[in-house]
Amino acid sequence: MVEVAAALIWDHNKNFLICQRPANKARPLLWEFVGGKAEPGETLEEALIRECREEIAVTLSVKDVFMDVIHKYPDITVHLTLFNASITQGVPQMLEHNDMRWIPVSEIPNYEFCPADVEILERMSSIK
C-alpha cells in the first residue's frame, strides 16, 4: 500500500483548490487534491509540504486530518490522507498539472475526480 498525502486548501473559506492530473500520468486528466506519495522515512506532513513545493510552488502550513481513505486501483492501492492546510508562502503555479482551479463545493459534480477522492468529496458536500 502506498501512503499518499494531499491538501485541502481553502481560499477565504469559499473555494478549495483542485488540480488536473497531467495527460501522461496514471489517471490522466482527472481532478485531484494537490499532494503525492510519501518517500521512505518521510512523515505524511513532510511529504505534503515537499509535494506542494514541487507541484505548485507554495509553502504549506499543514493542520489536522480532514479524512483518510483506502482505495484500490487496478495498478496500486493507496492510503490517502487529506489534511486541512493553508498556504503560508507563494501563489499556486502549474508546475506539473494540466490545470488548476479554485472551486466552491457546489461545483464538485462538474468535475471528474480520481476515484480515491470520491468519498472525501461526498463528505465535503454533506458538511458545507
Protein backbone atom coordinates (compact mmCIF):
# COMPACT_ATOMS: atom_id res chain seq x y z
CA MET A 1 0.00 0.00 0.00
CA VAL A 2 1.26 3.44 -0.94
CA GLU A 3 0.91 6.29 1.55
CA VAL A 4 -0.32 9.48 -0.12
CA ALA A 5 -0.77 12.90 1.50
CA ALA A 6 -2.99 15.57 -0.01
CA ALA A 7 -4.05 19.09 0.94
CA LEU A 8 -7.48 20.61 1.37
CA ILE A 9 -6.66 24.28 0.83
CA TRP A 10 -9.46 26.86 1.13
CA ASP A 11 -9.43 30.34 -0.37
CA HIS A 12 -11.13 32.54 2.26
CA ASN A 13 -13.31 29.53 3.22
CA LYS A 14 -15.32 29.72 0.00
CA ASN A 15 -13.38 27.82 -2.66
CA PHE A 16 -10.93 24.96 -2.46
CA LEU A 17 -8.00 24.10 -4.72
CA ILE A 18 -8.20 21.25 -7.21
CA CYS A 19 -5.60 20.20 -9.77
CA GLN A 20 -5.97 18.27 -13.02
CA ARG A 21 -3.54 15.39 -13.46
CA PRO A 22 -1.18 15.51 -16.47
CA ALA A 23 -2.20 13.58 -19.57
CA ASN A 24 0.95 11.41 -19.40
CA LYS A 25 0.41 10.04 -15.86
CA ALA A 26 -1.85 7.38 -14.37
CA ARG A 27 -5.48 8.54 -14.20
CA PRO A 28 -4.84 11.15 -16.89
CA LEU A 29 -6.72 14.44 -16.77
CA LEU A 30 -8.76 13.51 -13.70
CA TRP A 31 -9.05 16.13 -10.97
CA GLU A 32 -7.50 15.69 -7.53
CA PHE A 33 -6.28 17.43 -4.41
CA VAL A 34 -2.66 18.56 -4.60
CA GLY A 35 -0.17 16.20 -2.94
CA GLY A 36 1.63 12.95 -3.55
CA LYS A 37 3.38 9.86 -2.30
CA ALA A 38 5.45 9.83 0.87
CA GLU A 39 9.06 8.80 0.38
CA PRO A 40 10.77 6.33 2.75
CA GLY A 41 11.48 7.97 6.11
CA GLU A 42 9.17 10.91 5.42
CA THR A 43 6.13 11.74 7.54
CA LEU A 44 2.91 12.46 5.69
CA GLU A 45 3.15 16.10 6.69
CA GLU A 46 6.73 16.34 5.34
CA ALA A 47 5.66 14.63 2.12
CA LEU A 48 2.79 17.06 1.66
CA ILE A 49 4.99 20.11 2.20
CA ARG A 50 7.58 18.75 -0.28
CA GLU A 51 4.99 17.78 -2.90
CA CYS A 52 3.32 21.20 -2.76
CA ARG A 53 6.67 22.92 -3.24
CA GLU A 54 7.43 20.67 -6.23
CA GLU A 55 3.98 20.69 -7.83
CA ILE A 56 2.55 24.17 -7.20
CA ALA A 57 5.49 26.19 -5.78
CA VAL A 58 3.95 27.07 -2.39
CA THR A 59 4.85 26.53 1.24
CA LEU A 60 2.10 24.99 3.33
CA SER A 61 1.09 25.02 6.93
CA VAL A 62 -0.28 21.51 7.50
CA LYS A 63 -3.06 21.24 10.05
CA ASP A 64 -5.31 18.39 11.18
CA VAL A 65 -6.54 15.45 9.11
CA PHE A 66 -9.83 16.10 7.31
CA MET A 67 -10.29 12.46 6.29
CA ASP A 68 -8.41 9.40 5.10
CA VAL A 69 -9.44 6.63 2.72
CA ILE A 70 -8.01 3.43 1.31
CA HIS A 71 -8.66 2.91 -2.39
CA LYS A 72 -7.69 0.02 -4.64
CA TYR A 73 -6.93 0.99 -8.23
CA PRO A 74 -6.13 -1.75 -10.78
CA ASP A 75 -2.42 -0.82 -10.58
CA ILE A 76 -1.98 0.40 -7.00
CA THR A 77 -3.62 0.55 -3.55
CA VAL A 78 -3.38 3.94 -1.86
CA HIS A 79 -3.95 5.12 1.67
CA LEU A 80 -4.88 8.74 1.02
CA THR A 81 -4.76 11.16 3.94
CA LEU A 82 -6.28 14.57 3.25
CA PHE A 83 -5.00 17.31 5.55
CA ASN A 84 -6.51 20.70 6.15
CA ALA A 85 -3.77 23.09 5.08
CA SER A 86 -3.12 26.72 4.24
CA ILE A 87 -0.62 28.46 2.02
CA THR A 88 1.92 30.43 4.04
CA GLN A 89 4.15 31.49 1.16
CA GLY A 90 3.80 31.73 -2.61
CA VAL A 91 1.00 31.69 -5.15
CA PRO A 92 -0.02 28.35 -6.70
CA GLN A 93 1.60 27.74 -10.09
CA MET A 94 1.06 24.87 -12.52
CA LEU A 95 4.49 23.24 -12.50
CA GLU A 96 3.21 19.70 -13.03
CA HIS A 97 -0.55 19.72 -13.51
CA ASN A 98 -2.58 20.22 -16.67
CA ASP A 99 -4.90 22.74 -14.97
CA MET A 100 -5.67 24.16 -11.54
CA ARG A 101 -8.85 25.78 -10.21
CA TRP A 102 -10.44 27.16 -7.07
CA ILE A 103 -14.00 25.85 -6.89
CA PRO A 104 -16.89 26.01 -4.41
CA VAL A 105 -18.23 22.75 -3.03
CA SER A 106 -21.37 23.24 -5.14
CA GLU A 107 -19.30 22.73 -8.32
CA ILE A 108 -17.87 19.31 -7.34
CA PRO A 109 -20.30 17.47 -9.69
CA ASN A 110 -18.91 19.45 -12.66
CA TYR A 111 -15.50 17.73 -12.44
CA GLU A 112 -14.35 14.15 -12.88
CA PHE A 113 -12.17 13.33 -9.87
CA CYS A 114 -9.84 10.43 -9.14
CA PRO A 115 -11.90 7.58 -7.65
CA ALA A 116 -9.96 7.74 -4.35
CA ASP A 117 -11.28 11.27 -3.82
CA VAL A 118 -14.99 10.47 -4.28
CA GLU A 119 -15.74 9.51 -0.67
CA ILE A 120 -13.94 12.65 0.56
CA LEU A 121 -15.87 14.87 -1.86
CA GLU A 122 -19.15 13.33 -0.72
CA ARG A 123 -18.29 14.21 2.88
CA MET A 124 -17.34 17.76 1.88
CA SER A 125 -20.67 18.15 0.07
CA SER A 126 -22.61 16.98 3.11
CA ILE A 127 -20.97 19.37 5.60
CA LYS A 128 -20.57 22.59 3.60
